[in-house]
């Protein structure tokens, strides 16, 4: 059985020890190292070569987000799972932009932690369900920006997201496995509901309210939550 190599970075040794013992019970996971702060973690990465970095967001000397940004410059790539006692929306947005695949609260249980690690190992996103719900409600709290955005269907929101990433109708159609004609119809509906003149205005709106800054993985979780 191929094992997923996990490195733990957290400034609380008791927490690291607990997580390490939990992970060592799993046959498909191998803990290859640990660090008590961001700088120590960075210095050990090339030596330990983990598949997954499991890290606390708030660490001394170098916080988790800065650590991920530094690691993104290394010649090899790993995947990231953030763990935190807090579900701050601005922090979640920054993590998503940095390419973090998983986010788990420290109040979460064993099932959520293992799901996040295994999903990240497969290249798939995982967000604690309570966090996904918070991300969705955070958009609702921004209604003053443009109430009409929240009248869009989940599919129309996805269309808006891909437009904001600069994709053409053909590229959106390929991304969403739709016909180009269907995409054109959805774009028309989006513009009409938002009372906007063109795609450029729609993209500007998406960036202004923070919708466009989401990673595709986080977007999928939000749309899935909205459909349930």
C-alpha atoms as a PDB file:
ATOM      1  CA  UNK A   1       0.000   0.000   0.000  1.00  0.00           C
ATOM      2  CA  UNK A   2       1.346   3.379  -0.983  1.00  0.00           C
ATOM      3  CA  UNK A   3       1.421   5.723   1.996  1.00  0.00           C
ATOM      4  CA  UNK A   4       0.689   9.431   2.035  1.00  0.00           C
ATOM      5  CA  UNK A   5       3.617  11.275   3.623  1.00  0.00           C
ATOM      6  CA  UNK A   6       2.384  13.936   6.056  1.00  0.00           C
ATOM      7  CA  UNK A   7       4.350  16.708   7.775  1.00  0.00           C
ATOM      8  CA  UNK A   8       2.754  18.454  10.788  1.00  0.00           C
ATOM      9  CA  UNK A   9       3.438  22.123  11.562  1.00  0.00           C
ATOM     10  CA  UNK A  10       1.860  23.569  14.706  1.00  0.00           C
ATOM     11  CA  UNK A  11       3.274  25.602  17.571  1.00  0.00           C
ATOM     12  CA  UNK A  12       1.521  23.518  20.243  1.00  0.00           C
ATOM     13  CA  UNK A  13       3.524  20.335  20.913  1.00  0.00           C
ATOM     14  CA  UNK A  14       0.667  18.654  22.755  1.00  0.00           C
ATOM     15  CA  UNK A  15      -1.542  19.133  19.710  1.00  0.00           C
ATOM     16  CA  UNK A  16       1.169  17.853  17.356  1.00  0.00           C
ATOM     17  CA  UNK A  17       1.668  14.782  19.509  1.00  0.00           C
ATOM     18  CA  UNK A  18      -2.048  14.043  19.533  1.00  0.00           C
ATOM     19  CA  UNK A  19      -2.435  14.397  15.780  1.00  0.00           C
ATOM     20  CA  UNK A  20       0.704  12.336  15.161  1.00  0.00           C
ATOM     21  CA  UNK A  21      -0.579   9.460  17.293  1.00  0.00           C
ATOM     22  CA  UNK A  22      -3.943   9.603  15.536  1.00  0.00           C
ATOM     23  CA  UNK A  23      -2.379   9.523  12.071  1.00  0.00           C
ATOM     24  CA  UNK A  24       0.050   6.742  12.959  1.00  0.00           C
ATOM     25  CA  UNK A  25      -2.940   4.440  13.466  1.00  0.00           C
ATOM     26  CA  UNK A  26      -3.793   4.761   9.770  1.00  0.00           C
ATOM     27  CA  UNK A  27      -2.067   2.260   7.466  1.00  0.00           C
ATOM     28  CA  UNK A  28      -2.156   4.597   4.458  1.00  0.00           C
ATOM     29  CA  UNK A  29      -0.564   7.596   6.246  1.00  0.00           C
ATOM     30  CA  UNK A  30       3.056   8.089   7.285  1.00  0.00           C
ATOM     31  CA  UNK A  31       4.093  11.050   9.461  1.00  0.00           C
ATOM     32  CA  UNK A  32       7.525  12.113   8.179  1.00  0.00           C
ATOM     33  CA  UNK A  33       8.209  15.081  10.419  1.00  0.00           C
ATOM     34  CA  UNK A  34       6.963  17.961  12.513  1.00  0.00           C
ATOM     35  CA  UNK A  35       7.803  21.570  13.280  1.00  0.00           C
ATOM     36  CA  UNK A  36       6.800  24.145  15.872  1.00  0.00           C
ATOM     37  CA  UNK A  37       6.816  27.217  13.613  1.00  0.00           C
ATOM     38  CA  UNK A  38       6.760  28.237   9.978  1.00  0.00           C
ATOM     39  CA  UNK A  39      10.480  28.840   9.541  1.00  0.00           C
ATOM     40  CA  UNK A  40      11.383  25.461  11.021  1.00  0.00           C
ATOM     41  CA  UNK A  41       8.848  23.780   8.757  1.00  0.00           C
ATOM     42  CA  UNK A  42      10.257  25.549   5.699  1.00  0.00           C
ATOM     43  CA  UNK A  43      13.806  24.461   6.546  1.00  0.00           C
ATOM     44  CA  UNK A  44      12.774  20.807   6.821  1.00  0.00           C
ATOM     45  CA  UNK A  45      10.610  20.493   3.708  1.00  0.00           C
ATOM     46  CA  UNK A  46      13.281  19.535   1.175  1.00  0.00           C
ATOM     47  CA  UNK A  47      14.722  16.972   3.577  1.00  0.00           C
ATOM     48  CA  UNK A  48      11.420  15.303   4.475  1.00  0.00           C
ATOM     49  CA  UNK A  49       9.632  15.703   1.097  1.00  0.00           C
ATOM     50  CA  UNK A  50       6.052  15.231   2.330  1.00  0.00           C
ATOM     51  CA  UNK A  51       3.013  14.740   0.112  1.00  0.00           C
ATOM     52  CA  UNK A  52       0.850  16.738   2.506  1.00  0.00           C
ATOM     53  CA  UNK A  53       1.654  19.631   4.811  1.00  0.00           C
ATOM     54  CA  UNK A  54      -0.838  19.744   7.679  1.00  0.00           C
ATOM     55  CA  UNK A  55      -0.366  23.157   9.252  1.00  0.00           C
ATOM     56  CA  UNK A  56      -1.797  25.598  11.746  1.00  0.00           C
ATOM     57  CA  UNK A  57      -2.565  29.011  10.286  1.00  0.00           C
ATOM     58  CA  UNK A  58      -1.301  30.968  13.287  1.00  0.00           C
ATOM     59  CA  UNK A  59       2.333  30.082  13.989  1.00  0.00           C
ATOM     60  CA  UNK A  60       5.272  32.167  15.263  1.00  0.00           C
ATOM     61  CA  UNK A  61       8.141  33.385  13.065  1.00  0.00           C
ATOM     62  CA  UNK A  62       6.189  32.620   9.873  1.00  0.00           C
ATOM     63  CA  UNK A  63       2.429  32.105   9.718  1.00  0.00           C
ATOM     64  CA  UNK A  64       0.777  29.343   7.740  1.00  0.00           C
ATOM     65  CA  UNK A  65      -0.252  31.431   4.755  1.00  0.00           C
ATOM     66  CA  UNK A  66       3.249  32.859   4.315  1.00  0.00           C
ATOM     67  CA  UNK A  67       4.693  29.363   4.696  1.00  0.00           C
ATOM     68  CA  UNK A  68       2.512  28.065   1.869  1.00  0.00           C
ATOM     69  CA  UNK A  69       3.506  30.986  -0.353  1.00  0.00           C
ATOM     70  CA  UNK A  70       7.177  30.207   0.280  1.00  0.00           C
ATOM     71  CA  UNK A  71       6.693  26.496  -0.357  1.00  0.00           C
ATOM     72  CA  UNK A  72       4.986  27.226  -3.669  1.00  0.00           C
ATOM     73  CA  UNK A  73       8.393  28.422  -4.889  1.00  0.00           C
ATOM     74  CA  UNK A  74      10.087  25.086  -4.240  1.00  0.00           C
ATOM     75  CA  UNK A  75      10.990  22.855  -7.220  1.00  0.00           C
ATOM     76  CA  UNK A  76       8.647  20.096  -6.084  1.00  0.00           C
ATOM     77  CA  UNK A  77       5.006  20.431  -5.203  1.00  0.00           C
ATOM     78  CA  UNK A  78       3.104  19.261  -2.171  1.00  0.00           C
ATOM     79  CA  UNK A  79      -0.495  19.702  -1.131  1.00  0.00           C
ATOM     80  CA  UNK A  80      -1.759  21.613   1.851  1.00  0.00           C
ATOM     81  CA  UNK A  81      -4.340  21.098   4.581  1.00  0.00           C
ATOM     82  CA  UNK A  82      -4.887  23.995   6.995  1.00  0.00           C
ATOM     83  CA  UNK A  83      -6.145  23.469  10.500  1.00  0.00           C
ATOM     84  CA  UNK A  84      -7.247  26.282  12.777  1.00  0.00           C
ATOM     85  CA  UNK A  85      -9.301  27.106  15.834  1.00  0.00           C
ATOM     86  CA  UNK A  86     -10.966  29.907  13.858  1.00  0.00           C
ATOM     87  CA  UNK A  87     -12.986  30.149  10.652  1.00  0.00           C
ATOM     88  CA  UNK A  88     -12.170  33.740   9.734  1.00  0.00           C
ATOM     89  CA  UNK A  89     -13.530  34.536   6.260  1.00  0.00           C
ATOM     90  CA  UNK A  90     -10.625  36.724   5.138  1.00  0.00           C
ATOM     91  CA  UNK A  91      -8.179  34.015   6.168  1.00  0.00           C
ATOM     92  CA  UNK A  92     -10.165  31.367   4.295  1.00  0.00           C
ATOM     93  CA  UNK A  93     -10.075  33.502   1.177  1.00  0.00           C
ATOM     94  CA  UNK A  94      -6.296  33.944   1.462  1.00  0.00           C
ATOM     95  CA  UNK A  95      -5.784  30.202   1.945  1.00  0.00           C
ATOM     96  CA  UNK A  96      -7.879  29.445  -1.097  1.00  0.00           C
ATOM     97  CA  UNK A  97      -5.923  31.918  -3.201  1.00  0.00           C
ATOM     98  CA  UNK A  98      -2.636  30.333  -2.049  1.00  0.00           C
ATOM     99  CA  UNK A  99      -3.764  26.924  -3.290  1.00  0.00           C
ATOM    100  CA  UNK A 100      -4.650  25.220  -0.004  1.00  0.00           C
ATOM    101  CA  UNK A 101      -6.871  22.216  -0.755  1.00  0.00           C
ATOM    102  CA  UNK A 102      -8.164  21.384   2.707  1.00  0.00           C
ATOM    103  CA  UNK A 103      -9.425  23.304   5.707  1.00  0.00           C
ATOM    104  CA  UNK A 104     -10.361  21.706   9.029  1.00  0.00           C
ATOM    105  CA  UNK A 105     -11.325  23.300  12.320  1.00  0.00           C
ATOM    106  CA  UNK A 106      -9.533  22.214  15.482  1.00  0.00           C
ATOM    107  CA  UNK A 107     -12.988  21.546  16.874  1.00  0.00           C
ATOM    108  CA  UNK A 108     -13.504  18.973  14.117  1.00  0.00           C
ATOM    109  CA  UNK A 109     -13.177  15.262  14.696  1.00  0.00           C
ATOM    110  CA  UNK A 110     -11.008  12.440  13.408  1.00  0.00           C
ATOM    111  CA  UNK A 111     -13.290  11.785  10.430  1.00  0.00           C
ATOM    112  CA  UNK A 112     -12.994  15.352   9.120  1.00  0.00           C
ATOM    113  CA  UNK A 113      -9.212  15.427   9.543  1.00  0.00           C
ATOM    114  CA  UNK A 114      -8.652  12.124   7.752  1.00  0.00           C
ATOM    115  CA  UNK A 115     -11.094  13.096   5.004  1.00  0.00           C
ATOM    116  CA  UNK A 116      -9.201  16.352   4.432  1.00  0.00           C
ATOM    117  CA  UNK A 117      -5.822  14.600   4.231  1.00  0.00           C
ATOM    118  CA  UNK A 118      -7.016  11.821   1.923  1.00  0.00           C
ATOM    119  CA  UNK A 119      -8.927  14.226  -0.313  1.00  0.00           C
ATOM    120  CA  UNK A 120      -5.885  16.487  -0.634  1.00  0.00           C
ATOM    121  CA  UNK A 121      -3.700  13.473  -1.429  1.00  0.00           C
ATOM    122  CA  UNK A 122      -6.025  12.763  -4.373  1.00  0.00           C
ATOM    123  CA  UNK A 123      -5.848  16.386  -5.459  1.00  0.00           C
ATOM    124  CA  UNK A 124      -9.413  17.033  -4.350  1.00  0.00           C
ATOM    125  CA  UNK A 125     -10.564  19.866  -2.079  1.00  0.00           C
ATOM    126  CA  UNK A 126     -12.078  19.338   1.345  1.00  0.00           C
ATOM    127  CA  UNK A 127     -13.634  22.036   3.487  1.00  0.00           C
ATOM    128  CA  UNK A 128     -15.135  21.377   6.895  1.00  0.00           C
ATOM    129  CA  UNK A 129     -18.935  21.445   6.343  1.00  0.00           C
ATOM    130  CA  UNK A 130     -19.341  24.171   8.962  1.00  0.00           C
ATOM    131  CA  UNK A 131     -16.816  26.311   7.111  1.00  0.00           C
ATOM    132  CA  UNK A 132     -18.512  25.741   3.750  1.00  0.00           C
ATOM    133  CA  UNK A 133     -21.728  26.990   5.310  1.00  0.00           C
ATOM    134  CA  UNK A 134     -19.970  30.063   6.705  1.00  0.00           C
ATOM    135  CA  UNK A 135     -18.515  30.865   3.296  1.00  0.00           C
ATOM    136  CA  UNK A 136     -21.977  30.714   1.787  1.00  0.00           C
ATOM    137  CA  UNK A 137     -23.524  32.935   4.443  1.00  0.00           C
ATOM    138  CA  UNK A 138     -20.641  35.396   4.108  1.00  0.00           C
ATOM    139  CA  UNK A 139     -21.838  36.118   0.586  1.00  0.00           C
ATOM    140  CA  UNK A 140     -25.336  36.708   1.947  1.00  0.00           C
ATOM    141  CA  UNK A 141     -23.968  39.297   4.347  1.00  0.00           C
ATOM    142  CA  UNK A 142     -22.594  41.239   1.383  1.00  0.00           C
ATOM    143  CA  UNK A 143     -26.002  41.870  -0.152  1.00  0.00           C
ATOM    144  CA  UNK A 144     -25.499  45.590   0.087  1.00  0.00           C
ATOM    145  CA  UNK A 145     -22.912  45.218  -2.695  1.00  0.00           C
ATOM    146  CA  UNK A 146     -25.509  43.914  -5.121  1.00  0.00           C
ATOM    147  CA  UNK A 147     -28.693  42.182  -3.956  1.00  0.00           C
ATOM    148  CA  UNK A 148     -29.327  40.696  -7.383  1.00  0.00           C
ATOM    149  CA  UNK A 149     -26.271  38.431  -7.218  1.00  0.00           C
ATOM    150  CA  UNK A 150     -28.105  36.228  -4.735  1.00  0.00           C
ATOM    151  CA  UNK A 151     -30.951  35.721  -7.188  1.00  0.00           C
ATOM    152  CA  UNK A 152     -28.629  33.743  -9.450  1.00  0.00           C
ATOM    153  CA  UNK A 153     -29.053  29.988  -9.577  1.00  0.00           C
ATOM    154  CA  UNK A 154     -26.029  27.831  -8.603  1.00  0.00           C
ATOM    155  CA  UNK A 155     -25.336  27.207 -12.294  1.00  0.00           C
ATOM    156  CA  UNK A 156     -25.525  30.911 -13.107  1.00  0.00           C
ATOM    157  CA  UNK A 157     -23.120  31.621 -10.245  1.00  0.00           C
ATOM    158  CA  UNK A 158     -20.717  29.080 -11.689  1.00  0.00           C
ATOM    159  CA  UNK A 159     -21.034  30.727 -15.105  1.00  0.00           C
ATOM    160  CA  UNK A 160     -20.271  34.101 -13.489  1.00  0.00           C
ATOM    161  CA  UNK A 161     -17.239  32.634 -11.722  1.00  0.00           C
ATOM    162  CA  UNK A 162     -15.694  31.271 -14.919  1.00  0.00           C
ATOM    163  CA  UNK A 163     -16.428  34.520 -16.764  1.00  0.00           C
ATOM    164  CA  UNK A 164     -14.570  36.360 -14.007  1.00  0.00           C
ATOM    165  CA  UNK A 165     -11.556  34.091 -14.625  1.00  0.00           C
ATOM    166  CA  UNK A 166     -11.393  35.346 -18.206  1.00  0.00           C
ATOM    167  CA  UNK A 167     -12.823  32.277 -19.953  1.00  0.00           C
ATOM    168  CA  UNK A 168     -14.661  32.632 -23.267  1.00  0.00           C
ATOM    169  CA  UNK A 169     -18.075  31.050 -23.838  1.00  0.00           C
ATOM    170  CA  UNK A 170     -16.427  28.112 -25.600  1.00  0.00           C
ATOM    171  CA  UNK A 171     -13.982  27.615 -22.713  1.00  0.00           C
ATOM    172  CA  UNK A 172     -16.794  27.853 -20.149  1.00  0.00           C
ATOM    173  CA  UNK A 173     -18.748  25.285 -22.144  1.00  0.00           C
ATOM    174  CA  UNK A 174     -15.779  22.906 -22.059  1.00  0.00           C
ATOM    175  CA  UNK A 175     -15.205  23.520 -18.348  1.00  0.00           C
ATOM    176  CA  UNK A 176     -18.838  22.867 -17.394  1.00  0.00           C
ATOM    177  CA  UNK A 177     -19.538  20.212 -20.055  1.00  0.00           C
ATOM    178  CA  UNK A 178     -22.304  22.273 -21.644  1.00  0.00           C
ATOM    179  CA  UNK A 179     -23.043  23.389 -25.175  1.00  0.00           C
ATOM    180  CA  UNK A 180     -21.851  26.828 -26.219  1.00  0.00           C
ATOM    181  CA  UNK A 181     -25.471  27.817 -26.892  1.00  0.00           C
ATOM    182  CA  UNK A 182     -26.473  26.861 -23.328  1.00  0.00           C
ATOM    183  CA  UNK A 183     -23.619  28.939 -21.935  1.00  0.00           C
ATOM    184  CA  UNK A 184     -24.658  31.938 -24.050  1.00  0.00           C
ATOM    185  CA  UNK A 185     -28.198  31.648 -22.692  1.00  0.00           C
ATOM    186  CA  UNK A 186     -26.924  31.488 -19.112  1.00  0.00           C
ATOM    187  CA  UNK A 187     -24.682  34.508 -19.677  1.00  0.00           C
ATOM    188  CA  UNK A 188     -27.665  36.475 -20.956  1.00  0.00           C
ATOM    189  CA  UNK A 189     -29.663  35.515 -17.868  1.00  0.00           C
ATOM    190  CA  UNK A 190     -26.792  36.493 -15.568  1.00  0.00           C
ATOM    191  CA  UNK A 191     -26.410  39.912 -17.191  1.00  0.00           C
ATOM    192  CA  UNK A 192     -30.145  40.511 -17.111  1.00  0.00           C
ATOM    193  CA  UNK A 193     -30.478  39.577 -13.432  1.00  0.00           C
ATOM    194  CA  UNK A 194     -27.472  41.686 -12.475  1.00  0.00           C
ATOM    195  CA  UNK A 195     -28.677  44.558 -14.683  1.00  0.00           C
ATOM    196  CA  UNK A 196     -25.260  44.779 -16.296  1.00  0.00           C
ATOM    197  CA  UNK A 197     -24.331  45.730 -19.822  1.00  0.00           C
ATOM    198  CA  UNK A 198     -21.642  43.180 -20.614  1.00  0.00           C
ATOM    199  CA  UNK A 199     -19.320  40.415 -19.415  1.00  0.00           C
ATOM    200  CA  UNK A 200     -16.670  42.887 -18.306  1.00  0.00           C
ATOM    201  CA  UNK A 201     -19.020  44.551 -15.844  1.00  0.00           C
ATOM    202  CA  UNK A 202     -20.042  41.111 -14.551  1.00  0.00           C
ATOM    203  CA  UNK A 203     -16.404  40.146 -13.997  1.00  0.00           C
ATOM    204  CA  UNK A 204     -15.687  43.412 -12.178  1.00  0.00           C
ATOM    205  CA  UNK A 205     -18.635  42.779  -9.861  1.00  0.00           C
ATOM    206  CA  UNK A 206     -17.440  39.240  -9.120  1.00  0.00           C
ATOM    207  CA  UNK A 207     -13.968  40.504  -8.200  1.00  0.00           C
ATOM    208  CA  UNK A 208     -15.312  43.400  -6.122  1.00  0.00           C
ATOM    209  CA  UNK A 209     -17.385  41.200  -3.810  1.00  0.00           C
ATOM    210  CA  UNK A 210     -14.701  38.517  -3.473  1.00  0.00           C
ATOM    211  CA  UNK A 211     -16.500  35.819  -5.458  1.00  0.00           C
ATOM    212  CA  UNK A 212     -13.872  35.638  -8.199  1.00  0.00           C
ATOM    213  CA  UNK A 213     -11.046  35.160  -5.686  1.00  0.00           C
ATOM    214  CA  UNK A 214     -12.302  31.727  -4.629  1.00  0.00           C
ATOM    215  CA  UNK A 215     -10.435  28.630  -5.746  1.00  0.00           C
ATOM    216  CA  UNK A 216     -12.397  26.248  -8.027  1.00  0.00           C
ATOM    217  CA  UNK A 217     -12.431  23.711  -5.195  1.00  0.00           C
ATOM    218  CA  UNK A 218     -13.973  26.122  -2.707  1.00  0.00           C
ATOM    219  CA  UNK A 219     -16.492  27.204  -5.328  1.00  0.00           C
ATOM    220  CA  UNK A 220     -17.549  23.571  -5.773  1.00  0.00           C
ATOM    221  CA  UNK A 221     -18.113  23.189  -2.034  1.00  0.00           C
ATOM    222  CA  UNK A 222     -20.193  26.370  -1.876  1.00  0.00           C
ATOM    223  CA  UNK A 223     -22.352  25.388  -4.856  1.00  0.00           C
ATOM    224  CA  UNK A 224     -22.787  21.877  -3.466  1.00  0.00           C
ATOM    225  CA  UNK A 225     -23.879  23.362  -0.140  1.00  0.00           C
ATOM    226  CA  UNK A 226     -26.310  25.665  -1.940  1.00  0.00           C
ATOM    227  CA  UNK A 227     -27.858  22.721  -3.788  1.00  0.00           C
ATOM    228  CA  UNK A 228     -28.513  20.762  -0.573  1.00  0.00           C
END
